[in-house]
PDB file of N, CA and C in Angstrom:
ATOM      1  N   MET A   1     -25.550   9.393  -2.326  1.00  0.00           N
ATOM      2  CA  MET A   1     -24.293   9.509  -1.620  1.00  0.00           C
ATOM      3  C   MET A   1     -24.553  10.131  -0.247  1.00  0.00           C
ATOM      4  N   LYS A   2     -23.876   9.621   0.752  1.00  0.00           N
ATOM      5  CA  LYS A   2     -24.021  10.134   2.109  1.00  0.00           C
ATOM      6  C   LYS A   2     -23.086  11.313   2.312  1.00  0.00           C
ATOM      7  N   LYS A   3     -23.597  12.357   2.979  1.00  0.00           N
ATOM      8  CA  LYS A   3     -22.746  13.486   3.314  1.00  0.00           C
ATOM      9  C   LYS A   3     -21.983  13.136   4.589  1.00  0.00           C
ATOM     10  N   LEU A   4     -20.682  13.257   4.560  1.00  0.00           N
ATOM     11  CA  LEU A   4     -19.854  12.914   5.708  1.00  0.00           C
ATOM     12  C   LEU A   4     -19.883  14.024   6.749  1.00  0.00           C
ATOM     13  N   THR A   5     -19.763  13.643   7.998  1.00  0.00           N
ATOM     14  CA  THR A   5     -19.726  14.586   9.104  1.00  0.00           C
ATOM     15  C   THR A   5     -18.434  14.375   9.861  1.00  0.00           C
ATOM     16  N   ASN A   6     -17.811  15.477  10.240  1.00  0.00           N
ATOM     17  CA  ASN A   6     -16.574  15.401  10.995  1.00  0.00           C
ATOM     18  C   ASN A   6     -16.882  14.959  12.420  1.00  0.00           C
ATOM     19  N   TYR A   7     -16.298  13.873  12.832  1.00  0.00           N
ATOM     20  CA  TYR A   7     -16.512  13.292  14.164  1.00  0.00           C
ATOM     21  C   TYR A   7     -16.283  14.337  15.257  1.00  0.00           C
ATOM     22  N   PHE A   8     -15.188  15.060  15.164  1.00  0.00           N
ATOM     23  CA  PHE A   8     -14.804  15.990  16.215  1.00  0.00           C
ATOM     24  C   PHE A   8     -15.734  17.205  16.292  1.00  0.00           C
ATOM     25  N   GLU A   9     -16.434  17.508  15.214  1.00  0.00           N
ATOM     26  CA  GLU A   9     -17.376  18.623  15.228  1.00  0.00           C
ATOM     27  C   GLU A   9     -18.696  18.254  15.900  1.00  0.00           C
ATOM     28  N   VAL A  10     -19.056  16.982  15.907  1.00  0.00           N
ATOM     29  CA  VAL A  10     -20.377  16.593  16.408  1.00  0.00           C
ATOM     30  C   VAL A  10     -20.363  15.772  17.693  1.00  0.00           C
ATOM     31  N   ILE A  11     -19.224  15.234  18.082  1.00  0.00           N
ATOM     32  CA  ILE A  11     -19.209  14.315  19.218  1.00  0.00           C
ATOM     33  C   ILE A  11     -19.722  14.959  20.501  1.00  0.00           C
ATOM     34  N   GLY A  12     -19.420  16.216  20.725  1.00  0.00           N
ATOM     35  CA  GLY A  12     -19.915  16.903  21.915  1.00  0.00           C
ATOM     36  C   GLY A  12     -21.427  16.971  21.940  1.00  0.00           C
ATOM     37  N   TYR A  13     -22.026  17.310  20.792  1.00  0.00           N
ATOM     38  CA  TYR A  13     -23.488  17.367  20.692  1.00  0.00           C
ATOM     39  C   TYR A  13     -24.110  15.987  20.897  1.00  0.00           C
ATOM     40  N   VAL A  14     -23.479  14.989  20.332  1.00  0.00           N
ATOM     41  CA  VAL A  14     -24.001  13.625  20.463  1.00  0.00           C
ATOM     42  C   VAL A  14     -23.966  13.183  21.917  1.00  0.00           C
ATOM     43  N   LYS A  15     -22.846  13.396  22.588  1.00  0.00           N
ATOM     44  CA  LYS A  15     -22.724  12.994  23.996  1.00  0.00           C
ATOM     45  C   LYS A  15     -23.745  13.726  24.866  1.00  0.00           C
ATOM     46  N   ASP A  16     -23.902  15.038  24.642  1.00  0.00           N
ATOM     47  CA  ASP A  16     -24.882  15.810  25.415  1.00  0.00           C
ATOM     48  C   ASP A  16     -26.298  15.296  25.192  1.00  0.00           C
ATOM     49  N   THR A  17     -26.634  15.000  23.943  1.00  0.00           N
ATOM     50  CA  THR A  17     -27.971  14.512  23.620  1.00  0.00           C
ATOM     51  C   THR A  17     -28.229  13.156  24.255  1.00  0.00           C
ATOM     52  N   VAL A  18     -27.264  12.269  24.167  1.00  0.00           N
ATOM     53  CA  VAL A  18     -27.406  10.933  24.757  1.00  0.00           C
ATOM     54  C   VAL A  18     -27.591  11.052  26.268  1.00  0.00           C
ATOM     55  N   THR A  19     -26.805  11.912  26.900  1.00  0.00           N
ATOM     56  CA  THR A  19     -26.916  12.107  28.349  1.00  0.00           C
ATOM     57  C   THR A  19     -28.279  12.679  28.724  1.00  0.00           C
ATOM     58  N   LYS A  20     -28.753  13.685  27.988  1.00  0.00           N
ATOM     59  CA  LYS A  20     -30.052  14.302  28.265  1.00  0.00           C
ATOM     60  C   LYS A  20     -31.195  13.300  28.111  1.00  0.00           C
ATOM     61  N   LEU A  21     -31.029  12.332  27.251  1.00  0.00           N
ATOM     62  CA  LEU A  21     -32.046  11.298  27.056  1.00  0.00           C
ATOM     63  C   LEU A  21     -31.951  10.195  28.102  1.00  0.00           C
ATOM     64  N   GLY A  22     -30.952  10.292  28.965  1.00  0.00           N
ATOM     65  CA  GLY A  22     -30.782   9.289  30.014  1.00  0.00           C
ATOM     66  C   GLY A  22     -30.196   7.988  29.502  1.00  0.00           C
ATOM     67  N   LEU A  23     -29.477   8.061  28.410  1.00  0.00           N
ATOM     68  CA  LEU A  23     -28.875   6.876  27.807  1.00  0.00           C
ATOM     69  C   LEU A  23     -27.374   6.872  28.050  1.00  0.00           C
ATOM     70  N   GLN A  24     -26.730   5.779  27.699  1.00  0.00           N
ATOM     71  CA  GLN A  24     -25.280   5.670  27.794  1.00  0.00           C
ATOM     72  C   GLN A  24     -24.708   5.403  26.408  1.00  0.00           C
ATOM     73  N   MET A  25     -23.538   5.978  26.154  1.00  0.00           N
ATOM     74  CA  MET A  25     -22.850   5.703  24.893  1.00  0.00           C
ATOM     75  C   MET A  25     -22.365   4.259  24.922  1.00  0.00           C
ATOM     76  N   LYS A  26     -22.558   3.557  23.831  1.00  0.00           N
ATOM     77  CA  LYS A  26     -22.092   2.179  23.740  1.00  0.00           C
ATOM     78  C   LYS A  26     -20.613   2.173  23.360  1.00  0.00           C
ATOM     79  N   THR A  27     -19.901   1.176  23.862  1.00  0.00           N
ATOM     80  CA  THR A  27     -18.481   1.055  23.558  1.00  0.00           C
ATOM     81  C   THR A  27     -18.145  -0.401  23.272  1.00  0.00           C
ATOM     82  N   GLY A  28     -17.012  -0.608  22.644  1.00  0.00           N
ATOM     83  CA  GLY A  28     -16.486  -1.954  22.420  1.00  0.00           C
ATOM     84  C   GLY A  28     -17.442  -2.878  21.686  1.00  0.00           C
ATOM     85  N   ASP A  29     -17.576  -4.079  22.207  1.00  0.00           N
ATOM     86  CA  ASP A  29     -18.416  -5.089  21.565  1.00  0.00           C
ATOM     87  C   ASP A  29     -19.887  -4.692  21.532  1.00  0.00           C
ATOM     88  N   ASN A  30     -20.318  -3.853  22.489  1.00  0.00           N
ATOM     89  CA  ASN A  30     -21.711  -3.407  22.482  1.00  0.00           C
ATOM     90  C   ASN A  30     -22.036  -2.590  21.236  1.00  0.00           C
ATOM     91  N   VAL A  31     -21.067  -1.839  20.741  1.00  0.00           N
ATOM     92  CA  VAL A  31     -21.265  -1.077  19.503  1.00  0.00           C
ATOM     93  C   VAL A  31     -21.452  -2.041  18.336  1.00  0.00           C
ATOM     94  N   ILE A  32     -20.598  -3.041  18.273  1.00  0.00           N
ATOM     95  CA  ILE A  32     -20.672  -4.018  17.187  1.00  0.00           C
ATOM     96  C   ILE A  32     -21.990  -4.758  17.231  1.00  0.00           C
ATOM     97  N   LEU A  33     -22.413  -5.180  18.430  1.00  0.00           N
ATOM     98  CA  LEU A  33     -23.687  -5.883  18.564  1.00  0.00           C
ATOM     99  C   LEU A  33     -24.864  -5.005  18.153  1.00  0.00           C
ATOM    100  N   SER A  34     -24.825  -3.737  18.527  1.00  0.00           N
ATOM    101  CA  SER A  34     -25.902  -2.819  18.147  1.00  0.00           C
ATOM    102  C   SER A  34     -25.961  -2.634  16.641  1.00  0.00           C
ATOM    103  N   ASN A  35     -24.800  -2.405  16.041  1.00  0.00           N
ATOM    104  CA  ASN A  35     -24.766  -2.223  14.583  1.00  0.00           C
ATOM    105  C   ASN A  35     -25.224  -3.490  13.871  1.00  0.00           C
ATOM    106  N   ALA A  36     -24.718  -4.631  14.300  1.00  0.00           N
ATOM    107  CA  ALA A  36     -25.099  -5.892  13.677  1.00  0.00           C
ATOM    108  C   ALA A  36     -26.594  -6.136  13.817  1.00  0.00           C
ATOM    109  N   SER A  37     -27.141  -5.839  14.989  1.00  0.00           N
ATOM    110  CA  SER A  37     -28.580  -6.008  15.207  1.00  0.00           C
ATOM    111  C   SER A  37     -29.387  -5.133  14.267  1.00  0.00           C
ATOM    112  N   PHE A  38     -28.922  -3.897  14.077  1.00  0.00           N
ATOM    113  CA  PHE A  38     -29.611  -2.984  13.163  1.00  0.00           C
ATOM    114  C   PHE A  38     -29.625  -3.543  11.745  1.00  0.00           C
ATOM    115  N   TYR A  39     -28.459  -3.960  11.257  1.00  0.00           N
ATOM    116  CA  TYR A  39     -28.373  -4.489   9.891  1.00  0.00           C
ATOM    117  C   TYR A  39     -29.230  -5.734   9.726  1.00  0.00           C
ATOM    118  N   ILE A  40     -29.195  -6.619  10.703  1.00  0.00           N
ATOM    119  CA  ILE A  40     -29.985  -7.854  10.633  1.00  0.00           C
ATOM    120  C   ILE A  40     -31.478  -7.535  10.658  1.00  0.00           C
ATOM    121  N   HIS A  41     -31.863  -6.577  11.476  1.00  0.00           N
ATOM    122  CA  HIS A  41     -33.266  -6.165  11.534  1.00  0.00           C
ATOM    123  C   HIS A  41     -33.724  -5.617  10.175  1.00  0.00           C
ATOM    124  N   GLN A  42     -32.889  -4.795   9.554  1.00  0.00           N
ATOM    125  CA  GLN A  42     -33.217  -4.245   8.232  1.00  0.00           C
ATOM    126  C   GLN A  42     -33.353  -5.369   7.195  1.00  0.00           C
ATOM    127  N   ILE A  43     -32.445  -6.323   7.244  1.00  0.00           N
ATOM    128  CA  ILE A  43     -32.483  -7.456   6.318  1.00  0.00           C
ATOM    129  C   ILE A  43     -33.770  -8.255   6.529  1.00  0.00           C
ATOM    130  N   ALA A  44     -34.135  -8.482   7.798  1.00  0.00           N
ATOM    131  CA  ALA A  44     -35.356  -9.237   8.107  1.00  0.00           C
ATOM    132  C   ALA A  44     -36.598  -8.531   7.577  1.00  0.00           C
ATOM    133  N   LYS A  45     -36.549  -7.188   7.536  1.00  0.00           N
ATOM    134  CA  LYS A  45     -37.680  -6.413   7.000  1.00  0.00           C
ATOM    135  C   LYS A  45     -37.612  -6.288   5.477  1.00  0.00           C
ATOM    136  N   LYS A  46     -36.606  -6.956   4.883  1.00  0.00           N
ATOM    137  CA  LYS A  46     -36.384  -6.927   3.436  1.00  0.00           C
ATOM    138  C   LYS A  46     -36.104  -5.511   2.919  1.00  0.00           C
ATOM    139  N   GLU A  47     -35.390  -4.738   3.723  1.00  0.00           N
ATOM    140  CA  GLU A  47     -35.021  -3.379   3.348  1.00  0.00           C
ATOM    141  C   GLU A  47     -33.523  -3.312   3.078  1.00  0.00           C
ATOM    142  N   GLY A  48     -33.157  -2.915   1.876  1.00  0.00           N
ATOM    143  CA  GLY A  48     -31.751  -2.757   1.528  1.00  0.00           C
ATOM    144  C   GLY A  48     -30.933  -3.990   1.838  1.00  0.00           C
ATOM    145  N   ILE A  49     -31.426  -5.132   1.418  1.00  0.00           N
ATOM    146  CA  ILE A  49     -30.784  -6.399   1.779  1.00  0.00           C
ATOM    147  C   ILE A  49     -29.312  -6.416   1.383  1.00  0.00           C
ATOM    148  N   ARG A  50     -29.023  -6.115   0.147  1.00  0.00           N
ATOM    149  CA  ARG A  50     -27.633  -6.158  -0.319  1.00  0.00           C
ATOM    150  C   ARG A  50     -26.752  -5.176   0.456  1.00  0.00           C
ATOM    151  N   GLU A  51     -27.224  -3.940   0.605  1.00  0.00           N
ATOM    152  CA  GLU A  51     -26.441  -2.914   1.302  1.00  0.00           C
ATOM    153  C   GLU A  51     -26.204  -3.295   2.761  1.00  0.00           C
ATOM    154  N   ASN A  52     -27.239  -3.825   3.415  1.00  0.00           N
ATOM    155  CA  ASN A  52     -27.103  -4.197   4.816  1.00  0.00           C
ATOM    156  C   ASN A  52     -26.230  -5.428   5.006  1.00  0.00           C
ATOM    157  N   LEU A  53     -26.268  -6.363   4.064  1.00  0.00           N
ATOM    158  CA  LEU A  53     -25.357  -7.506   4.121  1.00  0.00           C
ATOM    159  C   LEU A  53     -23.908  -7.050   3.987  1.00  0.00           C
ATOM    160  N   ILE A  54     -23.680  -6.096   3.089  1.00  0.00           N
ATOM    161  CA  ILE A  54     -22.327  -5.555   2.907  1.00  0.00           C
ATOM    162  C   ILE A  54     -21.868  -4.865   4.185  1.00  0.00           C
ATOM    163  N   GLU A  55     -22.728  -4.016   4.764  1.00  0.00           N
ATOM    164  CA  GLU A  55     -22.375  -3.313   5.997  1.00  0.00           C
ATOM    165  C   GLU A  55     -22.100  -4.287   7.138  1.00  0.00           C
ATOM    166  N   LEU A  56     -22.913  -5.311   7.242  1.00  0.00           N
ATOM    167  CA  LEU A  56     -22.731  -6.326   8.277  1.00  0.00           C
ATOM    168  C   LEU A  56     -21.389  -7.045   8.089  1.00  0.00           C
ATOM    169  N   TYR A  57     -21.088  -7.414   6.863  1.00  0.00           N
ATOM    170  CA  TYR A  57     -19.835  -8.097   6.559  1.00  0.00           C
ATOM    171  C   TYR A  57     -18.633  -7.203   6.889  1.00  0.00           C
ATOM    172  N   VAL A  58     -18.688  -5.947   6.460  1.00  0.00           N
ATOM    173  CA  VAL A  58     -17.580  -5.020   6.698  1.00  0.00           C
ATOM    174  C   VAL A  58     -17.385  -4.798   8.199  1.00  0.00           C
ATOM    175  N   THR A  59     -18.488  -4.632   8.923  1.00  0.00           N
ATOM    176  CA  THR A  59     -18.421  -4.435  10.370  1.00  0.00           C
ATOM    177  C   THR A  59     -17.737  -5.619  11.042  1.00  0.00           C
ATOM    178  N   CYS A  60     -18.127  -6.807  10.691  1.00  0.00           N
ATOM    179  CA  CYS A  60     -17.535  -8.009  11.284  1.00  0.00           C
ATOM    180  C   CYS A  60     -16.097  -8.208  10.832  1.00  0.00           C
ATOM    181  N   GLN A  61     -15.821  -7.885   9.591  1.00  0.00           N
ATOM    182  CA  GLN A  61     -14.458  -8.033   9.062  1.00  0.00           C
ATOM    183  C   GLN A  61     -13.503  -7.091   9.788  1.00  0.00           C
ATOM    184  N   MET A  62     -13.940  -5.867  10.067  1.00  0.00           N
ATOM    185  CA  MET A  62     -13.085  -4.897  10.754  1.00  0.00           C
ATOM    186  C   MET A  62     -12.720  -5.372  12.163  1.00  0.00           C
ATOM    187  N   ARG A  63     -13.580  -6.164  12.777  1.00  0.00           N
ATOM    188  CA  ARG A  63     -13.329  -6.684  14.134  1.00  0.00           C
ATOM    189  C   ARG A  63     -12.718  -8.074  14.100  1.00  0.00           C
ATOM    190  N   ASP A  64     -12.375  -8.560  12.923  1.00  0.00           N
ATOM    191  CA  ASP A  64     -11.772  -9.883  12.727  1.00  0.00           C
ATOM    192  C   ASP A  64     -12.659 -10.994  13.272  1.00  0.00           C
ATOM    193  N   TYR A  65     -13.973 -10.830  13.108  1.00  0.00           N
ATOM    194  CA  TYR A  65     -14.895 -11.855  13.576  1.00  0.00           C
ATOM    195  C   TYR A  65     -14.858 -13.095  12.696  1.00  0.00           C
ATOM    196  N   GLU A  66     -14.293 -12.995  11.485  1.00  0.00           N
ATOM    197  CA  GLU A  66     -14.182 -14.179  10.628  1.00  0.00           C
ATOM    198  C   GLU A  66     -13.243 -15.200  11.236  1.00  0.00           C
ATOM    199  N   GLY A  67     -12.279 -14.721  12.008  1.00  0.00           N
ATOM    200  CA  GLY A  67     -11.294 -15.612  12.603  1.00  0.00           C
ATOM    201  C   GLY A  67     -11.765 -16.258  13.894  1.00  0.00           C
ATOM    202  N   LEU A  68     -12.891 -15.855  14.397  1.00  0.00           N
ATOM    203  CA  LEU A  68     -13.409 -16.425  15.639  1.00  0.00           C
ATOM    204  C   LEU A  68     -14.127 -17.739  15.374  1.00  0.00           C
ATOM    205  N   GLY A  69     -14.160 -18.553  16.378  1.00  0.00           N
ATOM    206  CA  GLY A  69     -14.970 -19.763  16.271  1.00  0.00           C
ATOM    207  C   GLY A  69     -14.249 -21.029  16.231  1.00  0.00           C
TER     208      GLY A  69
END
């Protein structure tokens, strides 16, 4: 089971860390593409195939990507 973290307790630390690393926070479709890429990469490596397929499906379903096309 994953331990949940309160978004509002950590977002400041996350933003500071990302900035210090010279990176930018992803937003909108870039977040979805990054998450989808991660899940697909894991599936390609044959790691947690079922779990990653579920996560990929849920991610796309939340953005109503099933209705596109």
